[in-house]
Amino acid sequence: MKRILATAAIMLGLLMMSTPVMAGSNPCNPCSMQEQVNPCNPCAMKKQMNPCNPCSIKTKPANPCSMQKPANPCNPCSMKQVKGQWGTPGNTPIREHAFDNFRQAAELGKQMWNDENLGTSGMACLSCHSDHDLLNLDRNQNFPHYVKMVGDVVSLDQMINYCMLNPMKGKPFAKDSKELTAMAAYYRAYRMQYIHEQR
C-alpha cells in the first residue's frame, strides 16, 4: 500500500511540474508569462489597437499621399483644395493665389494669345501662330529643346519671354507671374488641340 501511495505521489508531482511547460507552449494561454514579449501574439485581442504593433492589420500607413486621405489638408498630393486655403500652410508662396484650376489659367492665356497690346509692335501671338503655324508641333517635341530662332535650348517659359522681347517688342513676364503661367497653360491646351486634330 505504501508503494502505491509513493508511486501516486511521484506521478502527481511530475504532472504538476509539466503543467507550466505545457501552458507556456500554448500560444493562446491567457496565463502565459511570454505573452507580453510576443509582438505577434495571435491571441492578444487588445493589441490590434496598438499603432506600433507590427502584426496589427488595422495599422494605417503613414503615407501623406494615401488615397484614403483625399480631404486631408496636410496631404501635399491631395487633388482637393480646402475651402479658403491655398497651398500648404506655413510654406512660402511664389505669388498671390491666381487660379483655381487649369482651365482658368488656359482661358486667360487664350485672351493674351490674341492680344495685340501685349507689346509695342502691334503683333499678337496669333499673328505668327494662327492655326498652329510656326510652332513645329508636328515634331512632337517637349520643352526644353533647341529652337533655331533663339539659337539655343530653351524652356517653354524662356521661349514665351523671347517672343515677348523680340517679335512683340514687349517686356518679359516675371518667372512666377500668373501671366507666364497662363501663357504656358494655353500653349499646352493649343498643342493638345493640334494633337487631337491630327488623330
C-alpha atoms as a PDB file:
ATOM      1  CA  MET A   1       0.000   0.000   0.000  1.00  0.00           C
ATOM      2  CA  LYS A   2       2.859   2.347   0.845  1.00  0.00           C
ATOM      3  CA  ARG A   3       4.410   1.629  -2.547  1.00  0.00           C
ATOM      4  CA  ILE A   4       1.168   2.518  -4.307  1.00  0.00           C
ATOM      5  CA  LEU A   5       0.891   5.812  -2.400  1.00  0.00           C
ATOM      6  CA  ALA A   6       4.540   6.646  -3.100  1.00  0.00           C
ATOM      7  CA  THR A   7       4.120   5.915  -6.806  1.00  0.00           C
ATOM      8  CA  ALA A   8       0.961   8.061  -6.941  1.00  0.00           C
ATOM      9  CA  ALA A   9       2.754  10.925  -5.188  1.00  0.00           C
ATOM     10  CA  ILE A  10       5.642  10.792  -7.671  1.00  0.00           C
ATOM     11  CA  MET A  11       3.270  10.771 -10.676  1.00  0.00           C
ATOM     12  CA  LEU A  12       1.287  13.689  -9.255  1.00  0.00           C
ATOM     13  CA  GLY A  13       4.489  15.649  -8.734  1.00  0.00           C
ATOM     14  CA  LEU A  14       5.635  15.010 -12.290  1.00  0.00           C
ATOM     15  CA  LEU A  15       2.241  16.095 -13.635  1.00  0.00           C
ATOM     16  CA  MET A  16       2.323  19.357 -11.685  1.00  0.00           C
ATOM     17  CA  MET A  17       5.847  20.095 -12.911  1.00  0.00           C
ATOM     18  CA  SER A  18       4.874  19.551 -16.557  1.00  0.00           C
ATOM     19  CA  THR A  19       1.775  21.793 -16.441  1.00  0.00           C
ATOM     20  CA  PRO A  20       3.629  25.165 -16.645  1.00  0.00           C
ATOM     21  CA  VAL A  21       5.696  23.828 -19.535  1.00  0.00           C
ATOM     22  CA  MET A  22       2.577  22.810 -21.420  1.00  0.00           C
ATOM     23  CA  ALA A  23       0.882  26.096 -20.575  1.00  0.00           C
ATOM     24  CA  GLY A  24       3.888  28.043 -21.750  1.00  0.00           C
ATOM     25  CA  SER A  25       3.853  26.289 -25.099  1.00  0.00           C
ATOM     26  CA  ASN A  26       0.195  27.156 -25.696  1.00  0.00           C
ATOM     27  CA  PRO A  27       0.079  30.311 -27.893  1.00  0.00           C
ATOM     28  CA  CYS A  28      -3.429  31.136 -26.639  1.00  0.00           C
ATOM     29  CA  ASN A  29      -2.772  30.555 -22.944  1.00  0.00           C
ATOM     30  CA  PRO A  30      -4.082  33.602 -21.011  1.00  0.00           C
ATOM     31  CA  CYS A  31      -1.730  32.777 -18.165  1.00  0.00           C
ATOM     32  CA  SER A  32       1.379  32.569 -20.315  1.00  0.00           C
ATOM     33  CA  MET A  33       4.227  34.715 -18.962  1.00  0.00           C
ATOM     34  CA  GLN A  34       5.627  35.040 -22.501  1.00  0.00           C
ATOM     35  CA  GLU A  35       2.547  36.777 -23.896  1.00  0.00           C
ATOM     36  CA  GLN A  36       3.756  40.308 -23.184  1.00  0.00           C
ATOM     37  CA  VAL A  37       7.013  39.929 -25.078  1.00  0.00           C
ATOM     38  CA  ASN A  38       5.434  38.387 -28.174  1.00  0.00           C
ATOM     39  CA  PRO A  39       4.759  41.241 -30.655  1.00  0.00           C
ATOM     40  CA  CYS A  40       2.790  38.914 -32.925  1.00  0.00           C
ATOM     41  CA  ASN A  41       0.646  37.181 -30.297  1.00  0.00           C
ATOM     42  CA  PRO A  42      -2.402  35.890 -32.223  1.00  0.00           C
ATOM     43  CA  CYS A  43      -4.461  35.773 -29.047  1.00  0.00           C
ATOM     44  CA  ALA A  44      -3.831  39.366 -27.882  1.00  0.00           C
ATOM     45  CA  MET A  45      -7.176  40.986 -28.756  1.00  0.00           C
ATOM     46  CA  LYS A  46      -6.236  44.450 -27.497  1.00  0.00           C
ATOM     47  CA  LYS A  47      -3.016  44.710 -29.480  1.00  0.00           C
ATOM     48  CA  GLN A  48      -4.973  45.337 -32.690  1.00  0.00           C
ATOM     49  CA  MET A  49      -5.432  48.922 -31.493  1.00  0.00           C
ATOM     50  CA  ASN A  50      -1.731  49.417 -30.819  1.00  0.00           C
ATOM     51  CA  PRO A  51      -0.341  51.659 -33.611  1.00  0.00           C
ATOM     52  CA  CYS A  52       3.136  50.247 -33.021  1.00  0.00           C
ATOM     53  CA  ASN A  53       2.026  46.628 -33.298  1.00  0.00           C
ATOM     54  CA  PRO A  54       3.785  45.122 -36.353  1.00  0.00           C
ATOM     55  CA  CYS A  55       1.143  42.414 -36.571  1.00  0.00           C
ATOM     56  CA  SER A  56      -1.880  44.710 -36.421  1.00  0.00           C
ATOM     57  CA  ILE A  57      -3.961  44.595 -39.588  1.00  0.00           C
ATOM     58  CA  LYS A  58      -5.639  47.832 -38.538  1.00  0.00           C
ATOM     59  CA  THR A  59      -2.463  49.873 -38.519  1.00  0.00           C
ATOM     60  CA  LYS A  60      -2.819  52.613 -41.160  1.00  0.00           C
ATOM     61  CA  PRO A  61       0.215  53.519 -43.280  1.00  0.00           C
ATOM     62  CA  ALA A  62       1.814  56.892 -42.615  1.00  0.00           C
ATOM     63  CA  ASN A  63       1.593  57.810 -46.310  1.00  0.00           C
ATOM     64  CA  PRO A  64       0.748  61.516 -46.807  1.00  0.00           C
ATOM     65  CA  CYS A  65      -0.433  60.716 -50.350  1.00  0.00           C
ATOM     66  CA  SER A  66      -2.716  57.889 -49.274  1.00  0.00           C
ATOM     67  CA  MET A  67      -5.875  57.588 -51.368  1.00  0.00           C
ATOM     68  CA  GLN A  68      -7.736  57.232 -48.090  1.00  0.00           C
ATOM     69  CA  LYS A  69      -6.906  60.835 -47.172  1.00  0.00           C
ATOM     70  CA  PRO A  70      -8.136  62.895 -50.156  1.00  0.00           C
ATOM     71  CA  ALA A  71      -9.545  65.627 -47.932  1.00  0.00           C
ATOM     72  CA  ASN A  72      -6.617  65.780 -45.532  1.00  0.00           C
ATOM     73  CA  PRO A  73      -5.488  69.445 -45.535  1.00  0.00           C
ATOM     74  CA  CYS A  74      -1.948  68.325 -44.719  1.00  0.00           C
ATOM     75  CA  ASN A  75      -1.767  65.970 -47.704  1.00  0.00           C
ATOM     76  CA  PRO A  76       0.635  67.556 -50.243  1.00  0.00           C
ATOM     77  CA  CYS A  77      -0.668  65.291 -53.006  1.00  0.00           C
ATOM     78  CA  SER A  78      -4.354  66.000 -52.470  1.00  0.00           C
ATOM     79  CA  MET A  79      -6.273  66.997 -55.599  1.00  0.00           C
ATOM     80  CA  LYS A  80      -8.932  68.673 -53.460  1.00  0.00           C
ATOM     81  CA  GLN A  81      -8.353  72.149 -52.106  1.00  0.00           C
ATOM     82  CA  VAL A  82      -9.665  73.008 -48.669  1.00  0.00           C
ATOM     83  CA  LYS A  83     -12.094  75.906 -48.908  1.00  0.00           C
ATOM     84  CA  GLY A  84     -10.480  79.211 -48.043  1.00  0.00           C
ATOM     85  CA  GLN A  85      -6.987  77.725 -48.001  1.00  0.00           C
ATOM     86  CA  TRP A  86      -4.485  77.858 -50.854  1.00  0.00           C
ATOM     87  CA  GLY A  87      -1.262  75.919 -50.739  1.00  0.00           C
ATOM     88  CA  THR A  88       0.330  74.203 -47.779  1.00  0.00           C
ATOM     89  CA  PRO A  89       0.041  76.178 -44.513  1.00  0.00           C
ATOM     90  CA  GLY A  90       3.393  77.537 -43.357  1.00  0.00           C
ATOM     91  CA  ASN A  91       5.058  77.311 -46.779  1.00  0.00           C
ATOM     92  CA  THR A  92       6.308  80.392 -48.645  1.00  0.00           C
ATOM     93  CA  PRO A  93       4.070  81.080 -51.683  1.00  0.00           C
ATOM     94  CA  ILE A  94       5.560  82.021 -55.058  1.00  0.00           C
ATOM     95  CA  ARG A  95       2.783  84.598 -55.613  1.00  0.00           C
ATOM     96  CA  GLU A  96      -0.722  85.526 -54.543  1.00  0.00           C
ATOM     97  CA  HIS A  97      -3.337  82.941 -55.473  1.00  0.00           C
ATOM     98  CA  ALA A  98      -4.185  83.299 -59.182  1.00  0.00           C
ATOM     99  CA  PHE A  99      -6.146  80.292 -60.454  1.00  0.00           C
ATOM    100  CA  ASP A 100      -8.447  77.650 -59.052  1.00  0.00           C
ATOM    101  CA  ASN A 101      -7.774  75.184 -61.877  1.00  0.00           C
ATOM    102  CA  PHE A 102      -6.001  74.652 -65.214  1.00  0.00           C
ATOM    103  CA  ARG A 103      -8.968  75.824 -67.281  1.00  0.00           C
ATOM    104  CA  GLN A 104      -8.918  79.266 -65.687  1.00  0.00           C
ATOM    105  CA  ALA A 105      -5.231  79.626 -66.490  1.00  0.00           C
ATOM    106  CA  ALA A 106      -5.719  78.457 -70.094  1.00  0.00           C
ATOM    107  CA  GLU A 107      -8.638  80.853 -70.624  1.00  0.00           C
ATOM    108  CA  LEU A 108      -6.541  83.829 -69.542  1.00  0.00           C
ATOM    109  CA  GLY A 109      -3.730  82.551 -71.752  1.00  0.00           C
ATOM    110  CA  LYS A 110      -6.071  82.443 -74.753  1.00  0.00           C
ATOM    111  CA  GLN A 111      -7.037  86.086 -74.204  1.00  0.00           C
ATOM    112  CA  MET A 112      -3.373  87.048 -74.031  1.00  0.00           C
ATOM    113  CA  TRP A 113      -2.575  84.942 -77.120  1.00  0.00           C
ATOM    114  CA  ASN A 114      -4.936  87.148 -79.142  1.00  0.00           C
ATOM    115  CA  ASP A 115      -3.931  90.459 -77.512  1.00  0.00           C
ATOM    116  CA  GLU A 116      -2.062  92.859 -79.827  1.00  0.00           C
ATOM    117  CA  ASN A 117      -1.361  95.206 -76.923  1.00  0.00           C
ATOM    118  CA  LEU A 118       0.987  92.889 -75.036  1.00  0.00           C
ATOM    119  CA  GLY A 119       3.914  94.538 -76.813  1.00  0.00           C
ATOM    120  CA  THR A 120       4.552  97.696 -78.829  1.00  0.00           C
ATOM    121  CA  SER A 121       4.832  96.089 -82.281  1.00  0.00           C
ATOM    122  CA  GLY A 122       1.093  95.679 -82.749  1.00  0.00           C
ATOM    123  CA  MET A 123       1.511  91.927 -83.046  1.00  0.00           C
ATOM    124  CA  ALA A 124      -0.135  89.166 -81.046  1.00  0.00           C
ATOM    125  CA  CYS A 125       0.952  85.562 -80.617  1.00  0.00           C
ATOM    126  CA  LEU A 126      -1.825  84.706 -83.053  1.00  0.00           C
ATOM    127  CA  SER A 127      -0.155  86.875 -85.710  1.00  0.00           C
ATOM    128  CA  CYS A 128       2.557  84.232 -86.200  1.00  0.00           C
ATOM    129  CA  HIS A 129       0.855  81.153 -84.801  1.00  0.00           C
ATOM    130  CA  SER A 130      -2.606  81.171 -86.352  1.00  0.00           C
ATOM    131  CA  ASP A 131      -3.917  77.642 -86.898  1.00  0.00           C
ATOM    132  CA  HIS A 132      -0.874  76.187 -85.086  1.00  0.00           C
ATOM    133  CA  ASP A 133       1.577  77.659 -87.612  1.00  0.00           C
ATOM    134  CA  LEU A 134       5.323  78.006 -86.939  1.00  0.00           C
ATOM    135  CA  LEU A 135       5.266  76.042 -83.698  1.00  0.00           C
ATOM    136  CA  ASN A 136       6.750  72.831 -85.121  1.00  0.00           C
ATOM    137  CA  LEU A 137       4.076  70.846 -83.320  1.00  0.00           C
ATOM    138  CA  ASP A 138       4.409  68.092 -85.917  1.00  0.00           C
ATOM    139  CA  ARG A 139       7.807  67.232 -84.421  1.00  0.00           C
ATOM    140  CA  ASN A 140       6.130  66.371 -81.129  1.00  0.00           C
ATOM    141  CA  GLN A 141       8.931  67.947 -79.106  1.00  0.00           C
ATOM    142  CA  ASN A 142       8.692  68.691 -75.427  1.00  0.00           C
ATOM    143  CA  PHE A 143      10.418  71.704 -73.902  1.00  0.00           C
ATOM    144  CA  PRO A 144      13.245  72.274 -73.260  1.00  0.00           C
ATOM    145  CA  HIS A 145      14.530  71.785 -76.824  1.00  0.00           C
ATOM    146  CA  TYR A 146      16.663  73.572 -79.391  1.00  0.00           C
ATOM    147  CA  VAL A 147      14.913  76.451 -81.187  1.00  0.00           C
ATOM    148  CA  LYS A 148      16.594  77.745 -84.332  1.00  0.00           C
ATOM    149  CA  MET A 149      15.186  81.276 -83.971  1.00  0.00           C
ATOM    150  CA  VAL A 150      16.677  81.549 -80.475  1.00  0.00           C
ATOM    151  CA  GLY A 151      19.826  79.627 -81.325  1.00  0.00           C
ATOM    152  CA  ASP A 152      19.748  77.778 -78.036  1.00  0.00           C
ATOM    153  CA  VAL A 153      17.988  75.150 -75.970  1.00  0.00           C
ATOM    154  CA  VAL A 154      15.190  76.882 -74.069  1.00  0.00           C
ATOM    155  CA  SER A 155      12.320  76.035 -71.766  1.00  0.00           C
ATOM    156  CA  LEU A 156       8.740  76.947 -72.663  1.00  0.00           C
ATOM    157  CA  ASP A 157       8.811  79.925 -70.279  1.00  0.00           C
ATOM    158  CA  GLN A 158      12.033  81.166 -71.869  1.00  0.00           C
ATOM    159  CA  MET A 159      10.542  80.792 -75.352  1.00  0.00           C
ATOM    160  CA  ILE A 160       7.482  82.812 -74.345  1.00  0.00           C
ATOM    161  CA  ASN A 161       9.648  85.610 -72.966  1.00  0.00           C
ATOM    162  CA  TYR A 162      11.886  85.540 -76.056  1.00  0.00           C
ATOM    163  CA  CYS A 163       8.813  86.189 -78.201  1.00  0.00           C
ATOM    164  CA  MET A 164       7.697  88.941 -75.835  1.00  0.00           C
ATOM    165  CA  LEU A 165      11.073  90.675 -76.234  1.00  0.00           C
ATOM    166  CA  ASN A 166      11.553  90.215 -79.961  1.00  0.00           C
ATOM    167  CA  PRO A 167       8.617  89.918 -82.370  1.00  0.00           C
ATOM    168  CA  MET A 168       6.244  91.656 -79.954  1.00  0.00           C
ATOM    169  CA  LYS A 169       8.711  94.261 -78.610  1.00  0.00           C
ATOM    170  CA  GLY A 170       7.311  93.990 -75.111  1.00  0.00           C
ATOM    171  CA  LYS A 171       8.542  93.197 -71.617  1.00  0.00           C
ATOM    172  CA  PRO A 172       9.229  89.656 -70.420  1.00  0.00           C
ATOM    173  CA  PHE A 173       6.904  88.169 -67.838  1.00  0.00           C
ATOM    174  CA  ALA A 174       8.179  87.614 -64.307  1.00  0.00           C
ATOM    175  CA  LYS A 175       9.077  83.957 -63.756  1.00  0.00           C
ATOM    176  CA  ASP A 176       6.402  83.399 -61.101  1.00  0.00           C
ATOM    177  CA  SER A 177       3.744  85.638 -62.632  1.00  0.00           C
ATOM    178  CA  LYS A 178       0.221  84.466 -63.365  1.00  0.00           C
ATOM    179  CA  GLU A 179       0.659  85.816 -66.914  1.00  0.00           C
ATOM    180  CA  LEU A 180       3.541  83.457 -67.659  1.00  0.00           C
ATOM    181  CA  THR A 181       1.602  80.564 -66.146  1.00  0.00           C
ATOM    182  CA  ALA A 182      -1.431  81.461 -68.261  1.00  0.00           C
ATOM    183  CA  MET A 183       0.570  81.615 -71.493  1.00  0.00           C
ATOM    184  CA  ALA A 184       2.207  78.256 -70.763  1.00  0.00           C
ATOM    185  CA  ALA A 185      -1.182  76.734 -69.908  1.00  0.00           C
ATOM    186  CA  TYR A 186      -2.729  77.930 -73.163  1.00  0.00           C
ATOM    187  CA  TYR A 187       0.252  76.675 -75.169  1.00  0.00           C
ATOM    188  CA  ARG A 188      -0.321  73.243 -73.665  1.00  0.00           C
ATOM    189  CA  ALA A 189      -4.042  73.388 -74.487  1.00  0.00           C
ATOM    190  CA  TYR A 190      -3.252  74.666 -78.006  1.00  0.00           C
ATOM    191  CA  ARG A 191      -0.793  71.822 -78.556  1.00  0.00           C
ATOM    192  CA  MET A 192      -3.231  69.206 -77.254  1.00  0.00           C
ATOM    193  CA  GLN A 193      -5.864  70.556 -79.654  1.00  0.00           C
ATOM    194  CA  TYR A 194      -3.416  70.100 -82.544  1.00  0.00           C
ATOM    195  CA  ILE A 195      -2.548  66.537 -81.497  1.00  0.00           C
ATOM    196  CA  HIS A 196      -6.244  65.676 -81.196  1.00  0.00           C
ATOM    197  CA  GLU A 197      -6.973  67.055 -84.673  1.00  0.00           C
ATOM    198  CA  GLN A 198      -4.158  65.002 -86.218  1.00  0.00           C
ATOM    199  CA  ARG A 199      -5.532  61.688 -84.992  1.00  0.00           C
END
